[in-house]
Protein backbone atom coordinates (compact mmCIF):
# COMPACT_ATOMS: atom_id res chain seq x y z
CA UNK A 1 51.50 82.39 194.07
CA UNK A 2 51.38 86.04 195.17
CA UNK A 3 48.26 88.09 194.64
CA UNK A 4 48.70 91.35 192.87
CA UNK A 5 48.23 94.29 195.22
CA UNK A 6 45.70 96.84 194.00
CA UNK A 7 46.47 100.53 194.37
CA UNK A 8 42.92 101.92 194.26
CA UNK A 9 44.04 105.53 193.80
CA UNK A 10 46.16 104.60 190.80
CA UNK A 11 43.34 102.45 189.40
CA UNK A 12 40.91 105.37 189.78
CA UNK A 13 43.36 107.68 188.02
CA UNK A 14 43.70 105.19 185.15
CA UNK A 15 39.91 104.83 185.00
CA UNK A 16 39.53 108.63 184.83
CA UNK A 17 42.03 108.84 181.96
CA UNK A 18 40.25 106.09 180.03
CA UNK A 19 36.95 107.94 180.48
CA UNK A 20 38.64 111.27 179.61
CA UNK A 21 37.60 112.78 182.94
CA UNK A 22 40.11 115.48 183.76
CA UNK A 23 40.50 116.40 187.44
CA UNK A 24 40.07 120.11 186.69
CA UNK A 25 36.80 119.46 184.83
CA UNK A 26 35.48 117.23 187.62
CA UNK A 27 36.38 119.91 190.17
CA UNK A 28 34.48 122.59 188.25
CA UNK A 29 31.45 120.35 187.74
CA UNK A 30 31.07 119.50 191.43
CA UNK A 31 32.12 122.83 192.88
CA UNK A 32 35.43 121.96 194.53
CA UNK A 33 38.91 123.25 193.88
CA UNK A 34 41.27 121.32 191.62
CA UNK A 35 43.59 120.98 194.63
CA UNK A 36 40.78 119.18 196.50
CA UNK A 37 40.75 116.55 193.75
CA UNK A 38 44.54 116.23 194.03
CA UNK A 39 44.43 115.95 197.83
CA UNK A 40 41.70 113.32 197.60
CA UNK A 41 43.62 111.32 194.99
CA UNK A 42 46.75 111.47 197.15
CA UNK A 43 44.89 110.34 200.27
CA UNK A 44 45.37 113.62 202.13
CA UNK A 45 41.65 114.22 202.54
CA UNK A 46 38.33 112.43 202.30
CA UNK A 47 35.42 113.80 200.30
CA UNK A 48 32.04 112.21 199.92
CA UNK A 49 31.25 114.77 197.21
CA UNK A 50 34.18 113.59 195.06
CA UNK A 51 33.40 109.95 195.80
CA UNK A 52 29.75 110.35 194.80
CA UNK A 53 30.68 112.29 191.66
CA UNK A 54 32.97 109.50 190.50
CA UNK A 55 30.44 106.84 191.43
CA UNK A 56 27.80 108.72 189.43
CA UNK A 57 30.11 108.75 186.42
CA UNK A 58 30.55 104.98 186.56
CA UNK A 59 33.72 104.54 188.59
CA UNK A 60 33.73 101.01 190.03
CA UNK A 61 32.39 101.03 193.58
CA UNK A 62 34.90 98.36 194.58
CA UNK A 63 37.72 100.87 193.94
CA UNK A 64 36.00 103.73 195.72
CA UNK A 65 35.32 101.51 198.72
CA UNK A 66 39.08 100.96 199.08
CA UNK A 67 39.92 104.68 199.18
């Protein structure tokens, strides 16, 4: 039996939609550009500020640890 592969970035995006957290709102709240959120979600950059903001809003740590 094959294990289902987890795409943590997609799971985080789904989690954000369920919690009605829009990337543009998150960017404004933590003082980064909306493009920084996009780059982080796409794996083009790392940001402890974004990670901590999501963790503080209840995003599962197990997903953030995979990013």
